[in-house]
Amino acid sequence: MIPATLTGFATAFALILAIGAQNAFVLRQGLARTHVFWLCLLCAASDAILITAGVLGFGYLVTLYPMFPQIMAMGGAAFLLVYGALRFWEAWKGTYGMQLAGQSAALLPTLATGAALTWLNPHVYLDTLGLIGAISTQFIEPTLKLAFGIGAVTASFVFFFSLGYGARLLAPVMQSARAWRILDILIGLVMWALAVKLLS
């Protein structure tokens, strides 16, 4: 069971690492030191639901509904374009008093943004339902498939909580409005690049 668990962990960790929009938002909240626990829990739990669905055999969703990836891509790209524009707007305004004081938006709006960046991101579906679901098929025995799923879900929790709380190590660098402006510009560029990639 250990090899199956490690395979699940390594697979999920590598895939989650590449989902930029979600990670950038968790990083930003981690730097602000606000709502970190609940945001990390939301992202990890959302991934756990999708990973479980993929391992249980729902990875064939894309084959049943060929238009599903295109629909998700258009919706996800639209959201990323808007969110990227908001980051550029914040960078242009340059009012980072709340961030420098360790504050941010309220909990519910923060979680709503985190949920949108998770559930409107087609890469999340393709990676969890598609790739992880496909890789899990190599484990025929139910116990090995369960071990693979546990490893994948564990990787999600380890990654997001490490990212969210590990961001605090960068806190000394983020003590100026200029640093926050640069971060927002970089995040905006990442969001727009992901949007273009989704539409291309």
N, C-alpha and C. Protein backbone atom coordinates (compact mmCIF):
# COMPACT_ATOMS: atom_id res chain seq x y z
N MET A 1 0.81 -1.21 0.00
CA MET A 1 0.00 0.00 0.00
C MET A 1 0.85 1.27 0.00
N ILE A 2 2.05 1.17 0.55
CA ILE A 2 2.91 2.36 0.64
C ILE A 2 3.26 2.90 -0.75
N PRO A 3 3.67 2.04 -1.72
CA PRO A 3 3.96 2.57 -3.06
C PRO A 3 2.76 3.28 -3.69
N ALA A 4 1.57 2.72 -3.50
CA ALA A 4 0.37 3.34 -4.05
C ALA A 4 0.12 4.70 -3.40
N THR A 5 0.31 4.78 -2.08
CA THR A 5 0.11 6.04 -1.36
C THR A 5 1.11 7.09 -1.83
N LEU A 6 2.37 6.68 -1.96
CA LEU A 6 3.42 7.61 -2.41
C LEU A 6 3.18 8.07 -3.84
N THR A 7 2.69 7.17 -4.69
CA THR A 7 2.37 7.54 -6.07
C THR A 7 1.26 8.59 -6.10
N GLY A 8 0.24 8.36 -5.29
CA GLY A 8 -0.86 9.32 -5.21
C GLY A 8 -0.39 10.67 -4.70
N PHE A 9 0.46 10.65 -3.68
CA PHE A 9 0.97 11.89 -3.09
C PHE A 9 1.80 12.67 -4.12
N ALA A 10 2.74 11.98 -4.76
CA ALA A 10 3.63 12.64 -5.72
C ALA A 10 2.86 13.17 -6.93
N THR A 11 1.90 12.39 -7.41
CA THR A 11 1.12 12.81 -8.57
C THR A 11 0.32 14.06 -8.27
N ALA A 12 -0.42 14.04 -7.17
CA ALA A 12 -1.26 15.19 -6.81
C ALA A 12 -0.42 16.42 -6.50
N PHE A 13 0.68 16.23 -5.79
CA PHE A 13 1.53 17.37 -5.42
C PHE A 13 2.07 18.08 -6.66
N ALA A 14 2.51 17.28 -7.63
CA ALA A 14 3.07 17.87 -8.86
C ALA A 14 2.00 18.61 -9.65
N LEU A 15 0.79 18.06 -9.70
CA LEU A 15 -0.29 18.70 -10.46
C LEU A 15 -0.78 19.98 -9.78
N ILE A 16 -0.94 19.93 -8.45
CA ILE A 16 -1.41 21.10 -7.71
C ILE A 16 -0.42 22.24 -7.83
N LEU A 17 0.86 21.89 -7.86
CA LEU A 17 1.91 22.91 -7.95
C LEU A 17 1.76 23.75 -9.21
N ALA A 18 1.18 23.17 -10.25
CA ALA A 18 1.08 23.86 -11.54
C ALA A 18 -0.20 24.68 -11.70
N ILE A 19 -1.12 24.62 -10.74
CA ILE A 19 -2.38 25.35 -10.84
C ILE A 19 -2.17 26.75 -10.29
N GLY A 20 -1.74 27.67 -11.16
CA GLY A 20 -1.24 28.97 -10.73
C GLY A 20 -2.23 29.90 -10.07
N ALA A 21 -3.46 30.00 -10.59
CA ALA A 21 -4.41 30.98 -10.08
C ALA A 21 -4.74 30.74 -8.61
N GLN A 22 -5.05 29.52 -8.30
CA GLN A 22 -5.40 29.13 -6.94
C GLN A 22 -4.22 29.39 -6.00
N ASN A 23 -3.05 28.97 -6.42
CA ASN A 23 -1.86 29.11 -5.57
C ASN A 23 -1.49 30.56 -5.33
N ALA A 24 -1.62 31.39 -6.36
CA ALA A 24 -1.28 32.80 -6.22
C ALA A 24 -2.17 33.48 -5.19
N PHE A 25 -3.45 33.11 -5.18
CA PHE A 25 -4.38 33.71 -4.21
C PHE A 25 -4.06 33.25 -2.79
N VAL A 26 -3.76 31.98 -2.62
CA VAL A 26 -3.39 31.47 -1.30
C VAL A 26 -2.11 32.14 -0.82
N LEU A 27 -1.15 32.31 -1.72
CA LEU A 27 0.10 32.99 -1.38
C LEU A 27 -0.17 34.41 -0.92
N ARG A 28 -1.03 35.12 -1.64
CA ARG A 28 -1.33 36.51 -1.30
C ARG A 28 -1.97 36.61 0.07
N GLN A 29 -2.92 35.72 0.35
CA GLN A 29 -3.57 35.73 1.67
C GLN A 29 -2.59 35.32 2.76
N GLY A 30 -1.69 34.39 2.43
CA GLY A 30 -0.68 33.99 3.41
C GLY A 30 0.24 35.15 3.77
N LEU A 31 0.59 35.96 2.76
CA LEU A 31 1.43 37.13 3.02
C LEU A 31 0.68 38.16 3.86
N ALA A 32 -0.63 38.27 3.64
CA ALA A 32 -1.44 39.21 4.41
C ALA A 32 -1.75 38.66 5.80
N ARG A 33 -1.55 37.35 5.99
CA ARG A 33 -1.79 36.68 7.26
C ARG A 33 -3.25 36.78 7.71
N THR A 34 -4.17 36.72 6.77
CA THR A 34 -5.59 36.79 7.11
C THR A 34 -6.37 35.65 6.46
N HIS A 35 -7.22 35.03 7.25
CA HIS A 35 -8.10 33.94 6.79
C HIS A 35 -7.32 32.78 6.17
N VAL A 36 -6.08 32.60 6.59
CA VAL A 36 -5.22 31.59 5.96
C VAL A 36 -5.76 30.19 6.19
N PHE A 37 -6.12 29.87 7.43
CA PHE A 37 -6.57 28.51 7.74
C PHE A 37 -7.80 28.14 6.93
N TRP A 38 -8.81 29.02 6.93
CA TRP A 38 -10.06 28.69 6.26
C TRP A 38 -9.90 28.62 4.75
N LEU A 39 -9.06 29.48 4.20
CA LEU A 39 -8.82 29.44 2.75
C LEU A 39 -8.08 28.17 2.36
N CYS A 40 -7.06 27.81 3.13
CA CYS A 40 -6.32 26.57 2.84
C CYS A 40 -7.23 25.35 2.98
N LEU A 41 -8.09 25.39 4.00
CA LEU A 41 -9.03 24.28 4.20
C LEU A 41 -10.00 24.19 3.03
N LEU A 42 -10.49 25.33 2.55
CA LEU A 42 -11.41 25.34 1.41
C LEU A 42 -10.75 24.75 0.17
N CYS A 43 -9.54 25.21 -0.14
CA CYS A 43 -8.86 24.73 -1.35
C CYS A 43 -8.53 23.24 -1.25
N ALA A 44 -8.02 22.82 -0.09
CA ALA A 44 -7.65 21.42 0.09
C ALA A 44 -8.89 20.52 0.07
N ALA A 45 -9.97 20.96 0.73
CA ALA A 45 -11.19 20.16 0.77
C ALA A 45 -11.82 20.07 -0.62
N SER A 46 -11.79 21.18 -1.37
CA SER A 46 -12.34 21.16 -2.73
C SER A 46 -11.56 20.18 -3.60
N ASP A 47 -10.24 20.23 -3.50
CA ASP A 47 -9.41 19.29 -4.26
C ASP A 47 -9.69 17.85 -3.82
N ALA A 48 -9.89 17.66 -2.51
CA ALA A 48 -10.15 16.32 -2.00
C ALA A 48 -11.43 15.75 -2.60
N ILE A 49 -12.47 16.60 -2.72
CA ILE A 49 -13.73 16.16 -3.32
C ILE A 49 -13.52 15.74 -4.77
N LEU A 50 -12.79 16.57 -5.52
CA LEU A 50 -12.56 16.28 -6.94
C LEU A 50 -11.64 15.08 -7.13
N ILE A 51 -10.61 14.97 -6.29
CA ILE A 51 -9.71 13.83 -6.38
C ILE A 51 -10.47 12.54 -6.09
N THR A 52 -11.31 12.58 -5.06
CA THR A 52 -12.10 11.39 -4.71
C THR A 52 -13.02 11.00 -5.86
N ALA A 53 -13.64 12.01 -6.49
CA ALA A 53 -14.51 11.74 -7.63
C ALA A 53 -13.72 11.12 -8.78
N GLY A 54 -12.51 11.64 -9.01
CA GLY A 54 -11.68 11.11 -10.09
C GLY A 54 -11.27 9.66 -9.83
N VAL A 55 -10.87 9.39 -8.59
CA VAL A 55 -10.43 8.03 -8.23
C VAL A 55 -11.60 7.05 -8.28
N LEU A 56 -12.80 7.54 -7.95
CA LEU A 56 -13.97 6.66 -7.95
C LEU A 56 -14.49 6.37 -9.36
N GLY A 57 -13.89 7.02 -10.36
CA GLY A 57 -14.25 6.65 -11.72
C GLY A 57 -15.02 7.68 -12.51
N PHE A 58 -15.06 8.94 -12.03
CA PHE A 58 -15.79 9.96 -12.76
C PHE A 58 -14.91 10.72 -13.75
N GLY A 59 -13.73 10.17 -13.98
CA GLY A 59 -12.83 10.80 -14.94
C GLY A 59 -13.34 10.73 -16.37
N TYR A 60 -14.36 9.92 -16.61
CA TYR A 60 -14.89 9.80 -17.97
C TYR A 60 -15.86 10.93 -18.31
N LEU A 61 -16.01 11.91 -17.40
CA LEU A 61 -16.93 13.03 -17.62
C LEU A 61 -16.61 13.76 -18.92
N VAL A 62 -15.31 13.97 -19.15
CA VAL A 62 -14.89 14.70 -20.35
C VAL A 62 -15.25 13.93 -21.61
N THR A 63 -15.15 12.60 -21.56
CA THR A 63 -15.47 11.80 -22.74
C THR A 63 -16.99 11.77 -22.98
N LEU A 64 -17.77 11.84 -21.90
CA LEU A 64 -19.22 11.84 -22.05
C LEU A 64 -19.72 13.19 -22.57
N TYR A 65 -19.08 14.26 -22.13
CA TYR A 65 -19.48 15.62 -22.52
C TYR A 65 -18.28 16.33 -23.15
N PRO A 66 -18.06 16.13 -24.44
CA PRO A 66 -16.89 16.69 -25.12
C PRO A 66 -16.78 18.21 -25.02
N MET A 67 -17.93 18.90 -24.87
CA MET A 67 -17.90 20.37 -24.79
C MET A 67 -17.55 20.87 -23.39
N PHE A 68 -17.49 19.98 -22.42
CA PHE A 68 -17.24 20.38 -21.04
C PHE A 68 -15.93 21.16 -20.88
N PRO A 69 -14.80 20.69 -21.45
CA PRO A 69 -13.56 21.46 -21.32
C PRO A 69 -13.64 22.86 -21.92
N GLN A 70 -14.32 22.99 -23.09
CA GLN A 70 -14.42 24.30 -23.72
C GLN A 70 -15.26 25.26 -22.90
N ILE A 71 -16.37 24.74 -22.35
CA ILE A 71 -17.24 25.59 -21.53
C ILE A 71 -16.50 26.06 -20.28
N MET A 72 -15.79 25.14 -19.62
CA MET A 72 -15.03 25.49 -18.43
C MET A 72 -13.90 26.45 -18.77
N ALA A 73 -13.28 26.25 -19.92
CA ALA A 73 -12.18 27.12 -20.32
C ALA A 73 -12.67 28.55 -20.52
N MET A 74 -13.83 28.73 -21.16
CA MET A 74 -14.35 30.07 -21.39
C MET A 74 -14.75 30.74 -20.09
N GLY A 75 -15.42 29.99 -19.22
CA GLY A 75 -15.82 30.55 -17.93
C GLY A 75 -14.61 30.88 -17.07
N GLY A 76 -13.65 29.98 -17.05
CA GLY A 76 -12.45 30.20 -16.26
C GLY A 76 -11.63 31.36 -16.78
N ALA A 77 -11.51 31.48 -18.10
CA ALA A 77 -10.74 32.57 -18.69
C ALA A 77 -11.38 33.92 -18.37
N ALA A 78 -12.71 33.97 -18.44
CA ALA A 78 -13.42 35.23 -18.13
C ALA A 78 -13.14 35.65 -16.69
N PHE A 79 -13.21 34.69 -15.78
CA PHE A 79 -12.97 35.02 -14.38
C PHE A 79 -11.52 35.46 -14.16
N LEU A 80 -10.58 34.77 -14.79
CA LEU A 80 -9.17 35.11 -14.62
C LEU A 80 -8.86 36.50 -15.19
N LEU A 81 -9.50 36.85 -16.29
CA LEU A 81 -9.30 38.17 -16.87
C LEU A 81 -9.79 39.26 -15.92
N VAL A 82 -10.96 39.03 -15.33
CA VAL A 82 -11.52 40.01 -14.39
C VAL A 82 -10.66 40.10 -13.13
N TYR A 83 -10.27 38.95 -12.59
CA TYR A 83 -9.46 38.97 -11.37
C TYR A 83 -8.09 39.59 -11.63
N GLY A 84 -7.50 39.30 -12.79
CA GLY A 84 -6.23 39.92 -13.14
C GLY A 84 -6.36 41.43 -13.26
N ALA A 85 -7.47 41.89 -13.87
CA ALA A 85 -7.71 43.33 -13.98
C ALA A 85 -7.84 43.98 -12.61
N LEU A 86 -8.48 43.29 -11.67
CA LEU A 86 -8.61 43.82 -10.31
C LEU A 86 -7.24 43.97 -9.64
N ARG A 87 -6.34 43.02 -9.90
CA ARG A 87 -5.01 43.10 -9.32
C ARG A 87 -4.23 44.28 -9.92
N PHE A 88 -4.38 44.51 -11.23
CA PHE A 88 -3.75 45.68 -11.86
C PHE A 88 -4.34 46.97 -11.31
N TRP A 89 -5.64 46.98 -11.06
CA TRP A 89 -6.31 48.16 -10.51
C TRP A 89 -5.77 48.47 -9.12
N GLU A 90 -5.62 47.42 -8.31
CA GLU A 90 -5.07 47.61 -6.96
C GLU A 90 -3.64 48.14 -7.03
N ALA A 91 -2.86 47.61 -7.98
CA ALA A 91 -1.47 48.06 -8.12
C ALA A 91 -1.43 49.53 -8.55
N TRP A 92 -2.37 49.93 -9.43
CA TRP A 92 -2.41 51.32 -9.89
C TRP A 92 -2.82 52.26 -8.77
N LYS A 93 -3.82 51.84 -7.97
CA LYS A 93 -4.26 52.67 -6.85
C LYS A 93 -3.17 52.78 -5.80
N GLY A 94 -2.52 51.66 -5.51
CA GLY A 94 -1.41 51.67 -4.57
C GLY A 94 -1.78 51.91 -3.13
N THR A 95 -3.04 51.65 -2.77
CA THR A 95 -3.47 51.83 -1.39
C THR A 95 -3.39 50.49 -0.66
N TYR A 96 -2.28 50.28 0.02
CA TYR A 96 -2.04 48.98 0.66
C TYR A 96 -2.00 49.09 2.19
N GLY A 97 -2.75 50.06 2.71
CA GLY A 97 -2.77 50.22 4.16
C GLY A 97 -3.27 48.99 4.89
N MET A 98 -4.33 48.36 4.32
CA MET A 98 -4.89 47.17 4.96
C MET A 98 -3.88 46.02 4.97
N GLN A 99 -3.20 45.81 3.82
CA GLN A 99 -2.23 44.72 3.73
C GLN A 99 -1.06 44.95 4.68
N LEU A 100 -0.58 46.17 4.74
CA LEU A 100 0.55 46.47 5.61
C LEU A 100 0.16 46.34 7.08
N ALA A 101 -1.14 46.52 7.36
CA ALA A 101 -1.63 46.36 8.72
C ALA A 101 -2.07 44.94 9.01
N GLY A 102 -1.86 44.04 8.02
CA GLY A 102 -2.23 42.64 8.21
C GLY A 102 -3.72 42.39 8.09
N GLN A 103 -4.41 43.16 7.23
CA GLN A 103 -5.84 43.02 7.04
C GLN A 103 -6.13 42.72 5.58
N SER A 104 -7.34 42.21 5.33
CA SER A 104 -7.77 41.99 3.95
C SER A 104 -9.28 42.00 3.93
N ALA A 105 -9.84 41.54 2.84
CA ALA A 105 -11.30 41.46 2.74
C ALA A 105 -11.84 40.52 3.83
N ALA A 106 -13.13 40.63 4.07
CA ALA A 106 -13.77 39.78 5.09
C ALA A 106 -13.68 38.31 4.69
N LEU A 107 -14.00 37.45 5.64
CA LEU A 107 -13.84 36.01 5.43
C LEU A 107 -14.68 35.49 4.25
N LEU A 108 -15.97 35.83 4.21
CA LEU A 108 -16.84 35.28 3.17
C LEU A 108 -16.42 35.71 1.75
N PRO A 109 -16.11 37.00 1.52
CA PRO A 109 -15.62 37.35 0.18
C PRO A 109 -14.31 36.66 -0.17
N THR A 110 -13.44 36.48 0.83
CA THR A 110 -12.17 35.78 0.58
C THR A 110 -12.41 34.34 0.17
N LEU A 111 -13.31 33.67 0.89
CA LEU A 111 -13.62 32.27 0.57
C LEU A 111 -14.35 32.18 -0.78
N ALA A 112 -15.19 33.16 -1.08
CA ALA A 112 -15.89 33.16 -2.37
C ALA A 112 -14.89 33.27 -3.52
N THR A 113 -13.90 34.12 -3.37
CA THR A 113 -12.87 34.25 -4.41
C THR A 113 -12.06 32.96 -4.51
N GLY A 114 -11.70 32.38 -3.37
CA GLY A 114 -10.96 31.12 -3.38
C GLY A 114 -11.75 30.00 -4.03
N ALA A 115 -13.06 29.96 -3.76
CA ALA A 115 -13.92 28.93 -4.38
C ALA A 115 -14.01 29.13 -5.88
N ALA A 116 -14.13 30.39 -6.31
CA ALA A 116 -14.21 30.67 -7.74
C ALA A 116 -12.92 30.28 -8.45
N LEU A 117 -11.77 30.62 -7.83
CA LEU A 117 -10.49 30.28 -8.44
C LEU A 117 -10.26 28.77 -8.49
N THR A 118 -10.97 28.05 -7.64
CA THR A 118 -10.86 26.59 -7.62
C THR A 118 -11.85 25.95 -8.59
N TRP A 119 -13.14 26.25 -8.40
CA TRP A 119 -14.18 25.55 -9.14
C TRP A 119 -14.41 26.08 -10.55
N LEU A 120 -13.90 27.29 -10.87
CA LEU A 120 -14.02 27.81 -12.23
C LEU A 120 -12.75 27.60 -13.04
N ASN A 121 -11.81 26.88 -12.46
CA ASN A 121 -10.54 26.62 -13.14
C ASN A 121 -10.61 25.25 -13.82
N PRO A 122 -10.70 25.22 -15.15
CA PRO A 122 -10.81 23.92 -15.84
C PRO A 122 -9.60 23.03 -15.63
N HIS A 123 -8.43 23.62 -15.35
CA HIS A 123 -7.26 22.79 -15.09
C HIS A 123 -7.46 21.91 -13.87
N VAL A 124 -8.19 22.43 -12.89
CA VAL A 124 -8.47 21.65 -11.68
C VAL A 124 -9.23 20.38 -12.04
N TYR A 125 -10.25 20.53 -12.91
CA TYR A 125 -11.05 19.37 -13.30
C TYR A 125 -10.25 18.38 -14.13
N LEU A 126 -9.50 18.91 -15.08
CA LEU A 126 -8.73 18.03 -15.95
C LEU A 126 -7.65 17.28 -15.16
N ASP A 127 -7.05 17.97 -14.17
CA ASP A 127 -5.99 17.33 -13.39
C ASP A 127 -6.55 16.32 -12.40
N THR A 128 -7.61 16.72 -11.68
CA THR A 128 -8.14 15.83 -10.63
C THR A 128 -9.03 14.74 -11.21
N LEU A 129 -10.04 15.14 -11.98
CA LEU A 129 -10.94 14.13 -12.55
C LEU A 129 -10.27 13.34 -13.66
N GLY A 130 -9.51 14.05 -14.50
CA GLY A 130 -8.90 13.40 -15.65
C GLY A 130 -7.63 12.66 -15.35
N LEU A 131 -6.56 13.41 -15.05
CA LEU A 131 -5.23 12.79 -14.89
C LEU A 131 -5.14 11.89 -13.66
N ILE A 132 -5.53 12.43 -12.49
CA ILE A 132 -5.45 11.61 -11.29
C ILE A 132 -6.40 10.42 -11.40
N GLY A 133 -7.59 10.67 -11.96
CA GLY A 133 -8.52 9.55 -12.17
C GLY A 133 -7.96 8.49 -13.09
N ALA A 134 -7.27 8.94 -14.16
CA ALA A 134 -6.69 7.99 -15.11
C ALA A 134 -5.55 7.20 -14.48
N ILE A 135 -4.69 7.90 -13.73
CA ILE A 135 -3.54 7.23 -13.10
C ILE A 135 -4.01 6.23 -12.06
N SER A 136 -5.12 6.52 -11.40
CA SER A 136 -5.61 5.62 -10.35
C SER A 136 -6.10 4.29 -10.91
N THR A 137 -6.38 4.26 -12.21
CA THR A 137 -6.90 3.02 -12.81
C THR A 137 -5.85 1.91 -12.84
N GLN A 138 -4.57 2.28 -12.66
CA GLN A 138 -3.54 1.23 -12.64
C GLN A 138 -3.61 0.40 -11.37
N PHE A 139 -4.33 0.89 -10.37
CA PHE A 139 -4.50 0.15 -9.12
C PHE A 139 -5.88 -0.51 -9.13
N ILE A 140 -5.88 -1.82 -9.36
CA ILE A 140 -7.13 -2.56 -9.52
C ILE A 140 -7.76 -2.88 -8.17
N GLU A 141 -6.94 -3.34 -7.23
CA GLU A 141 -7.47 -3.72 -5.92
C GLU A 141 -8.02 -2.50 -5.19
N PRO A 142 -9.19 -2.62 -4.57
CA PRO A 142 -9.81 -1.50 -3.86
C PRO A 142 -8.90 -0.89 -2.78
N THR A 143 -8.14 -1.73 -2.08
CA THR A 143 -7.27 -1.20 -1.02
C THR A 143 -6.15 -0.33 -1.59
N LEU A 144 -5.60 -0.76 -2.72
CA LEU A 144 -4.54 0.03 -3.36
C LEU A 144 -5.10 1.32 -3.95
N LYS A 145 -6.30 1.24 -4.54
CA LYS A 145 -6.94 2.45 -5.07
C LYS A 145 -7.23 3.43 -3.94
N LEU A 146 -7.68 2.90 -2.79
CA LEU A 146 -7.93 3.74 -1.62
C LEU A 146 -6.64 4.39 -1.14
N ALA A 147 -5.56 3.61 -1.11
CA ALA A 147 -4.26 4.15 -0.68
C ALA A 147 -3.79 5.27 -1.61
N PHE A 148 -3.99 5.07 -2.90
CA PHE A 148 -3.63 6.10 -3.89
C PHE A 148 -4.42 7.37 -3.64
N GLY A 149 -5.72 7.21 -3.42
CA GLY A 149 -6.57 8.37 -3.16
C GLY A 149 -6.19 9.10 -1.89
N ILE A 150 -5.88 8.35 -0.84
CA ILE A 150 -5.46 8.96 0.43
C ILE A 150 -4.17 9.75 0.24
N GLY A 151 -3.24 9.18 -0.51
CA GLY A 151 -1.98 9.87 -0.77
C GLY A 151 -2.20 11.16 -1.54
N ALA A 152 -3.10 11.13 -2.53
CA ALA A 152 -3.38 12.32 -3.34
C ALA A 152 -4.05 13.41 -2.52
N VAL A 153 -5.02 13.02 -1.70
CA VAL A 153 -5.72 13.99 -0.85
C VAL A 153 -4.77 14.59 0.18
N THR A 154 -3.92 13.74 0.75
CA THR A 154 -2.94 14.23 1.73
C THR A 154 -2.01 15.26 1.10
N ALA A 155 -1.61 15.03 -0.13
CA ALA A 155 -0.72 15.97 -0.83
C ALA A 155 -1.38 17.34 -0.95
N SER A 156 -2.69 17.36 -1.22
CA SER A 156 -3.41 18.62 -1.34
C SER A 156 -3.38 19.40 -0.03
N PHE A 157 -3.65 18.73 1.08
CA PHE A 157 -3.64 19.40 2.38
C PHE A 157 -2.24 19.88 2.74
N VAL A 158 -1.24 19.04 2.51
CA VAL A 158 0.14 19.42 2.82
C VAL A 158 0.55 20.63 1.99
N PHE A 159 0.22 20.62 0.70
CA PHE A 159 0.64 21.70 -0.18
C PHE A 159 0.01 23.03 0.22
N PHE A 160 -1.31 23.06 0.35
CA PHE A 160 -1.98 24.34 0.59
C PHE A 160 -1.64 24.94 1.96
N PHE A 161 -1.57 24.10 2.98
CA PHE A 161 -1.24 24.64 4.30
C PHE A 161 0.23 25.05 4.37
N SER A 162 1.09 24.35 3.65
CA SER A 162 2.50 24.76 3.59
C SER A 162 2.64 26.09 2.86
N LEU A 163 1.89 26.25 1.76
CA LEU A 163 1.94 27.48 1.00
C LEU A 163 1.37 28.65 1.79
N GLY A 164 0.20 28.43 2.40
CA GLY A 164 -0.46 29.49 3.13
C GLY A 164 0.34 29.99 4.32
N TYR A 165 0.84 29.06 5.12
CA TYR A 165 1.58 29.46 6.32
C TYR A 165 3.06 29.69 6.03
N GLY A 166 3.58 29.05 4.99
CA GLY A 166 4.97 29.27 4.60
C GLY A 166 5.18 30.65 4.01
N ALA A 167 4.11 31.24 3.48
CA ALA A 167 4.21 32.59 2.91
C ALA A 167 4.66 33.61 3.95
N ARG A 168 4.42 33.31 5.22
CA ARG A 168 4.80 34.24 6.28
C ARG A 168 6.31 34.45 6.34
N LEU A 169 7.05 33.49 5.81
CA LEU A 169 8.51 33.65 5.78
C LEU A 169 8.92 34.82 4.90
N LEU A 170 8.04 35.18 3.94
CA LEU A 170 8.33 36.31 3.06
C LEU A 170 7.80 37.63 3.62
N ALA A 171 7.14 37.56 4.77
CA ALA A 171 6.54 38.77 5.35
C ALA A 171 7.51 39.93 5.50
N PRO A 172 8.77 39.71 5.94
CA PRO A 172 9.68 40.85 6.06
C PRO A 172 9.91 41.60 4.75
N VAL A 173 9.79 40.89 3.62
CA VAL A 173 9.99 41.54 2.33
C VAL A 173 8.78 42.38 1.94
N MET A 174 7.60 42.03 2.51
CA MET A 174 6.35 42.67 2.11
C MET A 174 5.94 43.78 3.07
N GLN A 175 6.90 44.57 3.51
CA GLN A 175 6.62 45.63 4.47
C GLN A 175 6.48 47.00 3.82
N SER A 176 6.33 47.03 2.50
CA SER A 176 6.16 48.31 1.81
C SER A 176 5.07 48.18 0.76
N ALA A 177 4.45 49.34 0.45
CA ALA A 177 3.41 49.35 -0.59
C ALA A 177 4.00 48.95 -1.95
N ARG A 178 5.27 49.29 -2.18
CA ARG A 178 5.92 48.95 -3.45
C ARG A 178 6.00 47.44 -3.64
N ALA A 179 6.32 46.72 -2.57
CA ALA A 179 6.42 45.27 -2.66
C ALA A 179 5.06 44.66 -2.98
N TRP A 180 3.99 45.17 -2.35
CA TRP A 180 2.65 44.67 -2.62
C TRP A 180 2.21 45.01 -4.05
N ARG A 181 2.63 46.20 -4.53
CA ARG A 181 2.30 46.59 -5.90
C ARG A 181 2.95 45.63 -6.90
N ILE A 182 4.20 45.30 -6.66
CA ILE A 182 4.91 44.36 -7.54
C ILE A 182 4.23 43.00 -7.52
N LEU A 183 3.83 42.55 -6.31
CA LEU A 183 3.16 41.25 -6.19
C LEU A 183 1.86 41.25 -6.98
N ASP A 184 1.07 42.32 -6.84
CA ASP A 184 -0.21 42.38 -7.56
C ASP A 184 -0.01 42.41 -9.07
N ILE A 185 1.02 43.12 -9.53
CA ILE A 185 1.30 43.15 -10.96
C ILE A 185 1.69 41.75 -11.46
N LEU A 186 2.51 41.06 -10.69
CA LEU A 186 2.92 39.70 -11.08
C LEU A 186 1.72 38.76 -11.09
N ILE A 187 0.86 38.87 -10.07
CA ILE A 187 -0.33 38.01 -10.01
C ILE A 187 -1.25 38.32 -11.19
N GLY A 188 -1.42 39.62 -11.48
CA GLY A 188 -2.25 40.00 -12.62
C GLY A 188 -1.73 39.43 -13.92
N LEU A 189 -0.42 39.48 -14.11
CA LEU A 189 0.19 38.92 -15.33
C LEU A 189 -0.02 37.41 -15.41
N VAL A 190 0.12 36.73 -14.26
CA VAL A 190 -0.10 35.29 -14.22
C VAL A 190 -1.55 34.97 -14.59
N MET A 191 -2.50 35.71 -14.02
CA MET A 191 -3.91 35.47 -14.31
C MET A 191 -4.22 35.66 -15.78
N TRP A 192 -3.70 36.75 -16.37
CA TRP A 192 -3.97 37.00 -17.79
C TRP A 192 -3.27 35.99 -18.69
N ALA A 193 -2.07 35.56 -18.30
CA ALA A 193 -1.37 34.54 -19.08
C ALA A 193 -2.15 33.22 -19.06
N LEU A 194 -2.69 32.87 -17.89
CA LEU A 194 -3.49 31.64 -17.77
C LEU A 194 -4.76 31.75 -18.60
N ALA A 195 -5.36 32.95 -18.59
CA ALA A 195 -6.59 33.16 -19.37
C ALA A 195 -6.33 32.99 -20.86
N VAL A 196 -5.23 33.58 -21.33
CA VAL A 196 -4.86 33.45 -22.75
C VAL A 196 -4.58 31.99 -23.09
N LYS A 197 -3.92 31.30 -22.18
CA LYS A 197 -3.63 29.88 -22.41
C LYS A 197 -4.91 29.06 -22.51
N LEU A 198 -5.89 29.39 -21.67
CA LEU A 198 -7.15 28.66 -21.69
C LEU A 198 -7.90 28.88 -23.00
N LEU A 199 -7.80 30.10 -23.53
CA LEU A 199 -8.56 30.43 -24.74
C LEU A 199 -7.85 30.02 -26.01
N SER A 200 -6.54 29.72 -25.91
CA SER A 200 -5.78 29.37 -27.12
C SER A 200 -5.90 27.90 -27.45
